[in-house]
Amino acid sequence: MHKTPGMPMNLDSTLAGLVAGLLLLSLAGCSDDGVTAEAGEAGAMRDLTDKSLASFTGYVPPQCYTKTRTAGHAQAANPCYVCHTESRAPNFIDDADLQLAYDFANPRRTARKNNPWTNLFKDYRNAVARVPDREIRAYVRADNYRDDTGRIALADRLADVPAGWDANGDGRWQGYVPDVYFDFDAAGYDHAPGGAYTGWRAFAYTPVPGSFIPANGSFDDVLIRLPRVFRQDRRGRFDVAVYTLNLAITESLIKRADVPIAATDEHDYDIDLNRDGHLDIAHRVVYDWAPLQDRDMAWVGRAAATHRRLAAGLYPEGTEFLHTLRYLDVVDGTVVRAPRMKELRYARKQAWLTYSDRRAMAFDELKEAHDFPDRPAQFAGDVERGVANGLGWVYQGFIEDARGDLRPQTFAETNTCMGCHGGVGATTDASFAFPRKRAGNTPDRGWYYWNQRAMAHLAEPRLTDGRGEYSTYLRNARAGDEFRNNADIIARFFTPAGAEKPAAFRRLEQTIGAMILPSPDRALALDKAYREIVRQQSFIHGRTAHVAPMDNVHRAVAPGEPTGVSTPVSVEHDARAH
């Protein structure tokens, strides 16, 4: 398995806007083997503006080091297909072949590539045993996003940016300033104190199978925001109806599917939303984008005149995503989302790249991999302005400091995001969650936050061939995570001899809670173990919550070592299901 995300940095003029103001990746401070001295075990944190890397290939996620061969099983486990798969234009990565071998870049050209995610091999059992349940419950229930007055604590801190966070030394924070209040109305729109719309909107989705289900350590959520012009009518005034329609059009383009909407008079917008050839009352946005056949779609409101560029599988320029990872809490015996954030992740689409741009960049990437197989990918950015993925997006993150307060991620810590968002076959315009948004054939149309309706009650997502997506994952990976470390899930769905438990798979069809929720004991143990990583501030050695050392992970792999998977698996999530 291998992830070579991002595109070569010899970008043409089309990408000038993407890299303006960003410096090329600095390797200053790296030793000759590409590894820096890390913060001590006590958690002493270096200057956050430092751009040195713990590993040249730290963008390769820890999941890619999983052992796929298992004693007693003739067939290799294959969790790799979830990310590495046949892609769909305008994603031209098409990396299904990477299910077959560990093919990492190796700058030192040594016989074996060491796994930089050394936290995976740490034993947290004693640390977990020392922490009373009441202590970890109190910790995860403490809100580290808002202060006691309801203000966004991190935003106030950024208003008077500490010198150690100020990459260019100008005394001002030039990155994203958190501005969501998590005060959602019945339509999923966030509101600031006083009632004003912030532009952020929450949506329901089914998690990608594997590490991102709560049973493996974290609850998450994702919000989307389109640029201000997409929220305005033709006169430039905020109009929530206009914004709602533009989000529905975005959903239609990303999913390449029709999207139900409230009854809408097309005369109000002078656009044929239902594509029936005349203006009338529309009940859906009909997907009909085929420009080579003179069939196109358009935005409504002011964006219709200012943003004429749109395409299937692409978000409009300026789209933002906000994603939080949260601890697990246990209330009345049920595992729920905790108030405390582990991470606050932000992404913004900086530049518009056409299908042709993306195809050319994918070919450049192939040539780069062929000519320089041991050259690691390089990314531009810093702690203040985020890290560019080379595909038009910039990513920025905030994570807990040793005391549990949110702080900006270092360049190296954010660089790890590039492994998934920098270019794998499974993404749609570098995103995972929005293509998995709950379909609009329900009264809420999939627009709500998780505290309004529980994630666990959703039915199992389907693949386009009709199979259950999570069931298929369990059968391919023979586990509920890439590392096959979650013994609870294995015991739920398989006998000790490895046979399937039919009743458990039938229950999963009805509710994903049968798979995605951990037991209360496991939830609190994972919280305690992860807090040890926070105290050590050792995120660049891995931030995967686990208690015992992970046995199903390679400490080192030989170049091109086969995974044991003989035939790549290809599946496609059905975005129109639910």
Protein backbone atom coordinates (compact mmCIF):
# COMPACT_ATOMS: atom_id res chain seq x y z
CA MET A 1 0.00 0.00 0.00
CA HIS A 2 1.21 3.42 -0.80
CA LYS A 3 -0.05 6.94 -0.92
CA THR A 4 1.79 9.42 -3.10
CA PRO A 5 -0.52 12.38 -2.71
CA GLY A 6 -0.21 15.79 -4.17
CA MET A 7 1.12 16.88 -7.48
CA PRO A 8 4.64 17.94 -8.46
CA MET A 9 5.49 21.45 -7.46
CA ASN A 10 6.48 22.51 -11.00
CA LEU A 11 2.96 23.94 -11.41
CA ASP A 12 1.92 25.93 -14.46
CA SER A 13 0.27 29.35 -14.42
CA THR A 14 -3.13 27.79 -13.83
CA LEU A 15 -2.08 27.10 -10.24
CA ALA A 16 -0.47 30.44 -9.54
CA GLY A 17 -3.26 31.47 -7.23
CA LEU A 18 -2.88 28.29 -5.23
CA VAL A 19 0.71 28.79 -4.22
CA ALA A 20 0.80 32.59 -4.03
CA GLY A 21 2.18 33.64 -0.68
CA LEU A 22 3.26 30.13 0.29
CA LEU A 23 6.85 28.96 0.54
CA LEU A 24 8.04 25.67 -0.81
CA LEU A 25 8.54 22.98 1.77
CA SER A 26 11.58 23.72 3.89
CA LEU A 27 13.73 20.80 4.95
CA ALA A 28 15.85 22.93 7.26
CA GLY A 29 16.43 21.23 10.56
CA CYS A 30 16.19 17.70 9.17
CA SER A 31 19.01 15.32 9.79
CA ASP A 32 20.46 13.38 6.88
CA ASP A 33 17.94 10.59 7.40
CA GLY A 34 15.00 12.98 7.30
CA VAL A 35 14.21 12.74 11.00
CA THR A 36 14.35 15.56 13.54
CA ALA A 37 14.78 15.40 17.25
CA GLU A 38 11.26 15.13 18.65
CA ALA A 39 9.74 16.82 21.65
CA GLY A 40 10.51 14.99 24.86
CA GLU A 41 8.19 12.45 26.40
CA ALA A 42 7.18 15.04 28.96
CA GLY A 43 5.51 16.92 26.11
CA ALA A 44 7.73 20.01 25.79
CA MET A 45 6.50 21.69 22.61
CA ARG A 46 8.87 23.34 20.18
CA ASP A 47 8.09 26.61 18.42
CA LEU A 48 4.93 26.00 16.36
CA THR A 49 6.41 27.94 13.43
CA ASP A 50 9.14 25.33 12.99
CA LYS A 51 8.76 23.59 9.61
CA SER A 52 11.11 20.68 10.21
CA LEU A 53 9.72 17.20 9.61
CA ALA A 54 9.88 14.07 11.70
CA SER A 55 9.82 12.04 8.48
CA PHE A 56 10.06 12.91 4.80
CA THR A 57 7.16 10.53 4.17
CA GLY A 58 5.04 11.51 7.17
CA TYR A 59 2.12 12.11 4.81
CA VAL A 60 1.73 8.33 4.39
CA PRO A 61 -0.96 7.41 6.96
CA PRO A 62 -0.31 4.75 9.61
CA GLN A 63 -3.08 2.59 8.12
CA CYS A 64 -0.85 1.99 5.11
CA TYR A 65 1.59 0.03 7.29
CA THR A 66 -1.00 -2.53 8.35
CA LYS A 67 -0.16 -6.22 8.08
CA THR A 68 -2.54 -7.78 5.59
CA ARG A 69 -1.34 -11.37 5.95
CA THR A 70 -2.70 -13.25 8.94
CA ALA A 71 -1.65 -16.60 10.36
CA GLY A 72 -4.30 -19.22 9.69
CA HIS A 73 -5.83 -17.32 6.75
CA ALA A 74 -4.86 -18.19 3.21
CA GLN A 75 -6.36 -14.98 1.84
CA ALA A 76 -4.90 -11.61 2.83
CA ALA A 77 -7.13 -9.08 4.57
CA ASN A 78 -7.76 -6.05 2.37
CA PRO A 79 -8.84 -2.80 4.02
CA CYS A 80 -6.80 -0.89 1.42
CA TYR A 81 -9.54 -0.71 -1.23
CA VAL A 82 -11.48 1.94 0.71
CA CYS A 83 -8.94 4.62 -0.27
CA HIS A 84 -6.98 3.04 -3.11
CA THR A 85 -9.50 2.34 -5.83
CA GLU A 86 -10.56 3.07 -9.37
CA SER A 87 -11.24 6.78 -9.51
CA ARG A 88 -13.85 8.78 -11.35
CA ALA A 89 -13.04 11.89 -13.36
CA PRO A 90 -12.06 14.56 -12.53
CA ASN A 91 -10.10 12.44 -10.05
CA PHE A 92 -7.51 10.83 -12.30
CA ILE A 93 -5.44 9.15 -9.55
CA ASP A 94 -6.89 5.65 -10.18
CA ASP A 95 -4.66 3.84 -7.67
CA ALA A 96 -6.37 0.46 -7.16
CA ASP A 97 -3.09 -1.28 -7.94
CA LEU A 98 -1.69 0.06 -4.66
CA GLN A 99 -3.75 -2.57 -2.84
CA LEU A 100 -1.17 -5.07 -4.02
CA ALA A 101 2.14 -3.83 -2.57
CA TYR A 102 3.79 -1.59 0.01
CA ASP A 103 5.38 0.88 -2.35
CA PHE A 104 6.66 3.76 -0.23
CA ALA A 105 9.19 6.34 -1.29
CA ASN A 106 12.43 5.72 0.58
CA PRO A 107 14.78 8.74 0.49
CA ARG A 108 17.62 6.86 2.18
CA ARG A 109 17.38 3.98 -0.31
CA THR A 110 17.82 1.49 2.51
CA ALA A 111 16.62 -2.08 2.23
CA ARG A 112 13.57 -1.44 4.41
CA LYS A 113 11.38 1.59 5.10
CA ASN A 114 10.88 2.17 8.81
CA ASN A 115 7.41 2.99 10.06
CA PRO A 116 7.51 6.54 11.49
CA TRP A 117 4.26 6.03 13.46
CA THR A 118 6.04 4.66 16.53
CA ASN A 119 3.17 5.56 18.89
CA LEU A 120 1.34 2.56 17.43
CA PHE A 121 3.76 0.31 19.28
CA LYS A 122 3.44 2.00 22.66
CA ASP A 123 1.70 0.25 25.53
CA TYR A 124 -0.81 2.51 27.30
CA ARG A 125 -2.38 -0.17 29.50
CA ASN A 126 -0.76 0.96 32.74
CA ALA A 127 -1.56 4.59 32.05
CA VAL A 128 -5.17 3.71 31.31
CA ALA A 129 -5.47 1.65 34.50
CA ARG A 130 -4.26 4.57 36.63
CA VAL A 131 -7.01 6.95 35.49
CA PRO A 132 -10.39 6.70 37.26
CA ASP A 133 -13.43 6.76 34.99
CA ARG A 134 -14.79 9.84 36.77
CA GLU A 135 -11.60 11.74 35.93
CA ILE A 136 -11.70 11.05 32.20
CA ARG A 137 -15.44 11.76 32.11
CA ALA A 138 -14.84 15.17 33.69
CA TYR A 139 -12.08 15.85 31.17
CA VAL A 140 -14.04 14.99 28.03
CA ARG A 141 -17.10 16.88 29.25
CA ALA A 142 -15.12 20.11 29.63
CA ASP A 143 -15.64 22.31 26.54
CA ASN A 144 -12.26 23.45 25.20
CA TYR A 145 -13.81 25.36 22.26
CA ARG A 146 -15.90 27.95 24.11
CA ASP A 147 -15.09 29.69 27.36
CA ASP A 148 -17.46 30.12 30.32
CA THR A 149 -19.10 33.15 28.66
CA GLY A 150 -19.78 31.29 25.40
CA ARG A 151 -17.05 33.04 23.43
CA ILE A 152 -14.81 31.05 21.09
CA ALA A 153 -11.66 30.73 23.19
CA LEU A 154 -9.33 29.97 20.30
CA ALA A 155 -10.58 32.96 18.28
CA ASP A 156 -9.81 35.25 21.22
CA ARG A 157 -6.35 33.74 21.51
CA LEU A 158 -5.70 34.26 17.79
CA ALA A 159 -6.75 37.91 18.05
CA ASP A 160 -3.60 38.46 20.11
CA VAL A 161 -1.48 35.83 18.39
CA PRO A 162 1.45 34.48 20.44
CA ALA A 163 4.85 34.93 18.87
CA GLY A 164 5.31 31.18 18.67
CA TRP A 165 2.25 30.92 16.40
CA ASP A 166 3.10 33.86 14.15
CA ALA A 167 4.88 32.35 11.14
CA ASN A 168 5.72 35.64 9.39
CA GLY A 169 6.23 37.70 12.54
CA ASP A 170 3.79 40.45 11.59
CA GLY A 171 1.79 40.25 14.82
CA ARG A 172 -1.41 39.14 13.04
CA TRP A 173 -2.92 35.70 12.52
CA GLN A 174 -3.50 35.25 8.76
CA GLY A 175 -5.01 31.79 8.84
CA TYR A 176 -8.52 30.58 9.56
CA VAL A 177 -10.13 32.01 12.69
CA PRO A 178 -12.81 29.67 14.14
CA ASP A 179 -16.23 31.26 13.65
CA VAL A 180 -18.79 28.47 14.07
CA TYR A 181 -20.98 28.47 17.20
CA PHE A 182 -22.51 24.98 16.88
CA ASP A 183 -25.95 26.54 17.33
CA PHE A 184 -27.91 24.82 14.57
CA ASP A 185 -31.51 25.41 13.52
CA ALA A 186 -33.88 22.76 12.19
CA ALA A 187 -32.35 23.10 8.70
CA GLY A 188 -28.78 22.58 9.95
CA TYR A 189 -27.72 26.25 9.67
CA ASP A 190 -25.38 27.60 12.33
CA HIS A 191 -26.17 30.90 14.06
CA ALA A 192 -23.98 33.38 15.92
CA PRO A 193 -25.12 34.96 19.18
CA GLY A 194 -27.91 37.33 18.21
CA GLY A 195 -29.18 34.97 15.51
CA ALA A 196 -27.11 35.93 12.46
CA TYR A 197 -26.24 33.13 10.02
CA THR A 198 -22.54 32.20 10.04
CA GLY A 199 -22.84 30.46 6.67
CA TRP A 200 -21.87 27.08 8.12
CA ARG A 201 -24.33 24.23 7.58
CA ALA A 202 -24.18 20.77 9.15
CA PHE A 203 -25.00 17.64 7.19
CA ALA A 204 -25.53 14.00 8.06
CA TYR A 205 -23.36 11.36 6.43
CA THR A 206 -22.22 7.80 6.94
CA PRO A 207 -18.59 7.56 8.10
CA VAL A 208 -16.00 6.01 5.82
CA PRO A 209 -15.53 2.43 7.06
CA GLY A 210 -12.39 1.89 9.08
CA SER A 211 -10.62 4.19 11.51
CA PHE A 212 -13.18 7.00 11.30
CA ILE A 213 -16.04 5.20 12.99
CA PRO A 214 -16.54 6.12 16.68
CA ALA A 215 -15.78 2.56 17.77
CA ASN A 216 -12.16 3.31 16.88
CA GLY A 217 -11.77 6.35 19.09
CA SER A 218 -13.52 9.53 17.95
CA PHE A 219 -16.87 11.00 17.06
CA ASP A 220 -16.67 13.48 14.21
CA ASP A 221 -18.81 15.96 12.33
CA VAL A 222 -18.45 17.95 9.10
CA LEU A 223 -19.85 21.36 8.13
CA ILE A 224 -19.82 23.06 4.74
CA ARG A 225 -19.86 26.76 3.79
CA LEU A 226 -20.07 28.25 0.31
CA PRO A 227 -18.64 31.72 -0.40
CA ARG A 228 -20.70 34.76 0.57
CA VAL A 229 -21.87 35.42 -2.99
CA PHE A 230 -23.62 32.03 -3.04
CA ARG A 231 -25.71 33.19 -0.08
CA GLN A 232 -26.94 36.37 -1.79
CA ASP A 233 -29.81 37.22 -4.10
CA ARG A 234 -29.19 39.07 -7.37
CA ARG A 235 -29.08 42.39 -5.48
CA GLY A 236 -26.40 41.17 -3.09
CA ARG A 237 -28.66 40.66 -0.06
CA PHE A 238 -28.42 37.56 2.12
CA ASP A 239 -31.16 35.10 1.17
CA VAL A 240 -31.33 31.74 2.91
CA ALA A 241 -33.55 30.35 0.12
CA VAL A 242 -30.88 31.22 -2.46
CA TYR A 243 -28.20 29.65 -0.29
CA THR A 244 -30.26 26.49 0.21
CA LEU A 245 -30.68 26.10 -3.54
CA ASN A 246 -27.00 26.65 -4.25
CA LEU A 247 -26.10 23.99 -1.70
CA ALA A 248 -28.57 21.62 -3.39
CA ILE A 249 -26.97 22.37 -6.77
CA THR A 250 -23.54 21.70 -5.24
CA GLU A 251 -24.79 18.39 -3.86
CA SER A 252 -26.19 17.44 -7.26
CA LEU A 253 -22.87 18.19 -8.98
CA ILE A 254 -20.80 16.30 -6.40
CA LYS A 255 -23.07 13.24 -6.31
CA ARG A 256 -24.01 13.48 -10.01
CA ALA A 257 -27.58 12.78 -8.98
CA ASP A 258 -30.93 14.53 -8.68
CA VAL A 259 -31.50 16.25 -5.32
CA PRO A 260 -35.00 16.80 -3.86
CA ILE A 261 -35.81 20.36 -2.76
CA ALA A 262 -38.79 22.17 -1.28
CA ALA A 263 -41.34 23.32 -3.88
CA THR A 264 -39.61 26.19 -5.69
CA ASP A 265 -40.99 28.64 -8.26
CA GLU A 266 -38.37 28.69 -11.00
CA HIS A 267 -39.61 32.11 -12.16
CA ASP A 268 -38.06 33.58 -9.00
CA TYR A 269 -34.60 32.56 -10.18
CA ASP A 270 -35.02 32.39 -13.96
CA ILE A 271 -33.53 28.90 -14.06
CA ASP A 272 -34.95 25.55 -15.08
CA LEU A 273 -33.97 23.57 -11.99
CA ASN A 274 -35.91 20.44 -12.91
CA ARG A 275 -34.74 20.55 -16.54
CA ASP A 276 -38.21 19.99 -18.01
CA GLY A 277 -37.82 22.68 -20.65
CA HIS A 278 -39.86 25.48 -19.06
CA LEU A 279 -40.16 27.48 -15.85
CA ASP A 280 -42.62 26.00 -13.36
CA ILE A 281 -42.66 24.64 -9.80
CA ALA A 282 -39.60 22.45 -9.20
CA HIS A 283 -39.39 19.76 -6.55
CA ARG A 284 -35.84 18.69 -7.34
CA VAL A 285 -32.58 19.87 -8.81
CA VAL A 286 -32.07 17.57 -11.78
CA TYR A 287 -28.48 16.63 -12.52
CA ASP A 288 -27.90 17.39 -16.19
CA TRP A 289 -24.29 18.37 -16.82
CA ALA A 290 -22.93 17.37 -20.23
CA PRO A 291 -21.19 20.44 -21.69
CA LEU A 292 -20.00 18.61 -24.80
CA GLN A 293 -23.68 18.09 -25.58
CA ASP A 294 -24.54 21.71 -24.73
CA ARG A 295 -26.22 20.76 -21.45
CA ASP A 296 -25.10 22.78 -18.46
CA MET A 297 -26.23 23.78 -15.00
CA ALA A 298 -26.03 27.12 -13.20
CA TRP A 299 -26.09 28.73 -9.77
CA VAL A 300 -28.89 30.98 -8.55
CA GLY A 301 -28.83 34.48 -7.09
CA ARG A 302 -25.78 36.69 -7.41
CA ALA A 303 -23.49 33.68 -7.97
CA ALA A 304 -25.22 33.06 -11.32
CA ALA A 305 -23.40 36.13 -12.68
CA THR A 306 -20.15 35.96 -10.71
CA HIS A 307 -19.39 32.23 -10.75
CA ARG A 308 -20.02 30.76 -14.18
CA ARG A 309 -17.55 27.94 -13.66
CA LEU A 310 -19.07 24.72 -12.38
CA ALA A 311 -18.46 21.07 -13.16
CA ALA A 312 -19.51 17.61 -12.05
CA GLY A 313 -17.39 16.33 -9.19
CA LEU A 314 -16.02 19.77 -8.26
CA TYR A 315 -16.93 22.26 -5.55
CA PRO A 316 -17.10 25.96 -6.39
CA GLU A 317 -13.98 27.96 -5.69
CA GLY A 318 -14.01 29.29 -2.13
CA THR A 319 -15.88 26.31 -0.63
CA GLU A 320 -14.95 25.64 3.00
CA PHE A 321 -15.23 22.57 5.22
CA LEU A 322 -14.95 22.37 8.99
CA HIS A 323 -14.44 19.03 10.69
CA THR A 324 -14.14 18.29 14.40
CA LEU A 325 -12.91 15.14 16.11
CA ARG A 326 -14.28 14.67 19.62
CA TYR A 327 -13.74 12.39 22.56
CA LEU A 328 -16.25 9.69 23.48
CA ASP A 329 -18.53 10.10 26.48
CA VAL A 330 -20.80 7.60 28.21
CA VAL A 331 -24.21 8.84 29.38
CA ASP A 332 -26.69 6.40 30.94
CA GLY A 333 -24.74 3.51 29.47
CA THR A 334 -24.78 4.92 25.92
CA VAL A 335 -21.66 6.12 24.08
CA VAL A 336 -22.20 9.68 22.84
CA ARG A 337 -20.22 12.59 21.45
CA ALA A 338 -18.28 14.51 24.12
CA PRO A 339 -18.05 18.32 24.21
CA ARG A 340 -14.23 18.28 24.22
CA MET A 341 -12.55 18.53 20.83
CA LYS A 342 -9.47 16.53 19.98
CA GLU A 343 -9.05 18.45 16.73
CA LEU A 344 -10.65 21.20 14.68
CA ARG A 345 -9.84 20.73 10.99
CA TYR A 346 -10.43 23.34 8.28
CA ALA A 347 -10.18 23.24 4.48
CA ARG A 348 -10.70 25.91 1.84
CA LYS A 349 -10.71 25.56 -1.93
CA GLN A 350 -8.21 28.17 -3.09
CA ALA A 351 -8.11 27.58 -6.83
CA TRP A 352 -10.24 26.24 -9.66
CA LEU A 353 -8.62 23.43 -11.66
CA THR A 354 -10.30 22.12 -14.79
CA TYR A 355 -10.59 18.50 -15.83
CA SER A 356 -7.69 19.07 -18.22
CA ASP A 357 -5.54 20.59 -15.48
CA ARG A 358 -6.18 17.62 -13.26
CA ARG A 359 -5.53 15.05 -15.97
CA ALA A 360 -2.22 16.69 -16.84
CA MET A 361 -1.19 16.79 -13.20
CA ALA A 362 -2.05 13.11 -12.74
CA PHE A 363 0.15 12.24 -15.73
CA ASP A 364 2.95 14.38 -14.25
CA GLU A 365 2.55 12.46 -10.99
CA LEU A 366 2.89 9.13 -12.81
CA LYS A 367 6.02 10.31 -14.59
CA GLU A 368 7.47 11.60 -11.33
CA ALA A 369 6.82 8.26 -9.62
CA HIS A 370 8.45 6.40 -12.53
CA ASP A 371 11.51 8.62 -12.87
CA PHE A 372 12.10 9.30 -9.17
CA PRO A 373 10.45 6.47 -7.18
CA ASP A 374 12.28 7.39 -3.97
CA ARG A 375 11.51 11.09 -4.08
CA PRO A 376 8.89 11.97 -1.43
CA ALA A 377 6.06 14.36 -2.15
CA GLN A 378 6.56 17.97 -1.09
CA PHE A 379 3.90 20.38 0.08
CA ALA A 380 3.78 24.13 0.55
CA GLY A 381 2.63 26.01 3.61
CA ASP A 382 3.21 26.87 7.26
CA VAL A 383 1.47 26.81 10.62
CA GLU A 384 -0.34 30.10 9.99
CA ARG A 385 -1.63 29.77 6.44
CA GLY A 386 -2.09 26.01 6.28
CA VAL A 387 -0.72 23.44 3.86
CA ALA A 388 -1.65 23.25 0.16
CA ASN A 389 -2.42 19.83 -1.28
CA GLY A 390 -1.55 20.71 -4.88
CA LEU A 391 -5.15 20.12 -6.00
CA GLY A 392 -6.55 23.55 -5.21
CA TRP A 393 -7.19 23.11 -1.48
CA VAL A 394 -5.46 24.46 1.62
CA TYR A 395 -5.76 22.62 4.95
CA GLN A 396 -5.28 23.90 8.47
CA GLY A 397 -5.75 22.23 11.82
CA PHE A 398 -5.96 22.91 15.53
CA ILE A 399 -5.19 20.28 18.15
CA GLU A 400 -4.93 20.04 21.93
CA ASP A 401 -1.86 21.30 23.72
CA ALA A 402 -0.59 19.44 26.78
CA ARG A 403 -3.18 21.17 28.97
CA GLY A 404 -6.05 20.34 26.61
CA ASP A 405 -6.48 23.79 25.09
CA LEU A 406 -6.66 24.04 21.30
CA ARG A 407 -3.57 25.30 19.50
CA PRO A 408 -2.59 25.50 15.80
CA GLN A 409 -1.04 22.40 14.30
CA THR A 410 2.56 22.66 13.19
CA PHE A 411 3.48 22.32 9.54
CA ALA A 412 4.57 18.72 10.16
CA GLU A 413 1.33 17.87 11.98
CA THR A 414 -0.81 19.27 9.18
CA ASN A 415 1.41 17.67 6.55
CA THR A 416 0.04 14.31 7.72
CA CYS A 417 -3.38 15.30 6.31
CA MET A 418 -1.98 15.20 2.79
CA GLY A 419 -1.89 11.40 2.72
CA CYS A 420 -5.66 11.20 2.42
CA HIS A 421 -6.55 14.61 1.00
CA GLY A 422 -3.60 14.99 -1.33
CA GLY A 423 -4.65 12.43 -3.88
CA VAL A 424 -6.18 8.96 -3.57
CA GLY A 425 -8.67 7.27 -5.85
CA ALA A 426 -11.57 7.40 -3.39
CA THR A 427 -11.93 11.16 -3.03
CA THR A 428 -14.23 13.58 -4.83
CA ASP A 429 -12.41 16.90 -5.23
CA ALA A 430 -10.21 15.84 -2.28
CA SER A 431 -13.23 15.27 -0.01
CA PHE A 432 -14.70 12.20 1.68
CA ALA A 433 -17.76 13.23 3.72
CA PHE A 434 -19.98 15.36 1.48
CA PRO A 435 -20.28 12.71 -1.27
CA ARG A 436 -21.52 10.46 1.54
CA LYS A 437 -24.14 12.97 2.70
CA ARG A 438 -27.48 11.43 3.54
CA ALA A 439 -29.70 11.64 0.47
CA GLY A 440 -32.47 14.19 0.20
CA ASN A 441 -35.39 11.77 0.05
CA THR A 442 -36.18 12.31 3.74
CA PRO A 443 -37.99 15.26 5.40
CA ASP A 444 -34.72 16.72 6.75
CA ARG A 445 -32.95 16.11 3.39
CA GLY A 446 -29.82 15.15 5.30
CA TRP A 447 -29.18 18.64 6.67
CA TYR A 448 -28.74 18.45 10.43
CA TYR A 449 -26.13 18.18 13.17
CA TRP A 450 -25.51 14.96 15.07
CA ASN A 451 -26.97 16.26 18.34
CA GLN A 452 -30.29 16.71 16.49
CA ARG A 453 -30.45 13.11 15.26
CA ALA A 454 -28.17 10.24 16.20
CA MET A 455 -25.71 8.89 13.66
CA ALA A 456 -26.09 5.37 15.00
CA HIS A 457 -29.73 5.08 13.86
CA LEU A 458 -28.90 5.42 10.15
CA ALA A 459 -29.33 2.33 7.99
CA GLU A 460 -26.26 0.68 6.53
CA PRO A 461 -24.99 2.57 3.47
CA ARG A 462 -25.18 0.72 0.18
CA LEU A 463 -22.80 0.16 -2.68
CA THR A 464 -23.96 0.71 -6.24
CA ASP A 465 -24.22 -3.06 -6.69
CA GLY A 466 -26.69 -3.22 -3.78
CA ARG A 467 -24.41 -4.77 -1.17
CA GLY A 468 -24.07 -3.27 2.29
CA GLU A 469 -20.95 -1.11 2.40
CA TYR A 470 -19.99 -1.88 6.00
CA SER A 471 -20.71 -5.58 5.60
CA THR A 472 -18.44 -5.62 2.57
CA TYR A 473 -15.72 -3.91 4.58
CA LEU A 474 -16.01 -6.42 7.41
CA ARG A 475 -15.67 -9.30 4.95
CA ASN A 476 -12.69 -7.80 3.13
CA ALA A 477 -10.80 -6.51 6.16
CA ARG A 478 -12.05 -9.26 8.50
CA ALA A 479 -12.20 -6.51 11.12
CA GLY A 480 -13.69 -3.11 11.89
CA ASP A 481 -10.49 -1.14 11.37
CA GLU A 482 -7.44 -1.24 9.14
CA PHE A 483 -5.21 -2.49 11.95
CA ARG A 484 -7.59 -5.32 12.95
CA ASN A 485 -7.06 -3.98 16.47
CA ASN A 486 -10.71 -3.64 17.48
CA ALA A 487 -11.42 -6.96 19.16
CA ASP A 488 -14.95 -5.83 20.10
CA ILE A 489 -16.07 -5.53 16.48
CA ILE A 490 -14.40 -8.78 15.47
CA ALA A 491 -16.20 -10.61 18.30
CA ARG A 492 -19.54 -9.02 17.33
CA PHE A 493 -19.45 -10.17 13.73
CA PHE A 494 -17.22 -13.28 13.68
CA THR A 495 -16.85 -16.43 15.72
CA PRO A 496 -13.45 -17.35 17.22
CA ALA A 497 -12.97 -19.59 14.17
CA GLY A 498 -13.60 -16.65 11.83
CA ALA A 499 -17.11 -17.59 10.66
CA GLU A 500 -19.66 -14.82 10.16
CA LYS A 501 -22.47 -14.27 12.65
CA PRO A 502 -25.53 -13.87 10.37
CA ALA A 503 -27.71 -12.16 13.01
CA ALA A 504 -25.10 -9.45 13.54
CA PHE A 505 -24.86 -8.74 9.82
CA ARG A 506 -28.67 -8.58 9.56
CA ARG A 507 -28.81 -6.07 12.42
CA LEU A 508 -26.15 -3.96 10.72
CA GLU A 509 -28.43 -3.57 7.70
CA GLN A 510 -30.96 -1.82 9.92
CA THR A 511 -28.67 0.34 12.04
CA ILE A 512 -25.00 1.23 11.69
CA GLY A 513 -24.90 1.54 15.48
CA ALA A 514 -24.42 -2.22 15.48
CA MET A 515 -20.90 -1.58 14.17
CA ILE A 516 -19.86 2.01 14.76
CA LEU A 517 -20.38 2.34 18.54
CA PRO A 518 -17.86 0.95 21.02
CA SER A 519 -18.72 -0.56 24.37
CA PRO A 520 -18.70 1.97 27.24
CA ASP A 521 -15.56 0.39 28.71
CA ARG A 522 -13.71 0.58 25.40
CA ALA A 523 -14.83 4.19 24.87
CA LEU A 524 -13.39 5.40 28.16
CA ALA A 525 -10.20 3.34 27.73
CA LEU A 526 -9.58 4.92 24.31
CA ASP A 527 -10.16 8.37 25.81
CA LYS A 528 -7.58 7.70 28.51
CA ALA A 529 -5.03 6.33 26.06
CA TYR A 530 -5.40 9.24 23.65
CA ARG A 531 -4.96 11.75 26.48
CA GLU A 532 -1.51 10.25 27.05
CA ILE A 533 -0.60 11.22 23.47
CA VAL A 534 -1.90 14.72 24.21
CA ARG A 535 0.19 14.99 27.36
CA GLN A 536 3.28 13.84 25.46
CA GLN A 537 2.47 16.10 22.49
CA SER A 538 3.77 13.28 20.29
CA PHE A 539 1.23 13.61 17.48
CA ILE A 540 3.84 13.37 14.73
CA HIS A 541 4.53 9.83 15.94
CA GLY A 542 0.84 8.94 15.60
CA ARG A 543 -2.48 10.06 17.03
CA THR A 544 -4.43 6.80 16.70
CA ALA A 545 -6.22 5.94 19.95
CA HIS A 546 -5.31 2.46 21.19
CA VAL A 547 -4.55 0.79 24.50
CA ALA A 548 -2.23 -2.17 23.86
CA PRO A 549 0.59 -2.14 21.27
CA MET A 550 -0.67 -2.86 17.79
CA ASP A 551 0.54 -6.24 16.58
CA ASN A 552 -0.92 -6.09 13.07
CA VAL A 553 1.33 -3.23 11.93
CA HIS A 554 4.69 -3.47 10.19
CA ARG A 555 7.60 -1.80 11.94
CA ALA A 556 9.38 -1.74 8.58
CA VAL A 557 8.61 -2.87 5.04
CA ALA A 558 10.80 -3.80 2.11
CA PRO A 559 10.45 -1.71 -1.06
CA GLY A 560 7.60 -3.10 -3.15
CA GLU A 561 6.82 -5.86 -0.65
CA PRO A 562 3.59 -7.61 -1.75
CA THR A 563 0.59 -7.25 0.52
CA GLY A 564 -0.68 -10.70 -0.41
CA VAL A 565 -3.80 -9.24 -2.05
CA SER A 566 -3.97 -10.92 -5.45
CA THR A 567 -6.78 -8.97 -7.11
CA PRO A 568 -7.72 -5.35 -6.37
CA VAL A 569 -11.20 -4.83 -4.94
CA SER A 570 -13.30 -2.15 -6.60
CA VAL A 571 -16.48 -0.82 -5.02
CA GLU A 572 -18.48 2.40 -5.32
CA HIS A 573 -20.52 4.01 -2.58
CA ASP A 574 -24.08 4.73 -3.74
CA ALA A 575 -24.52 8.45 -3.05
CA ARG A 576 -28.22 8.20 -3.96
CA ALA A 577 -28.99 5.55 -1.34
CA HIS A 578 -30.43 5.99 2.20
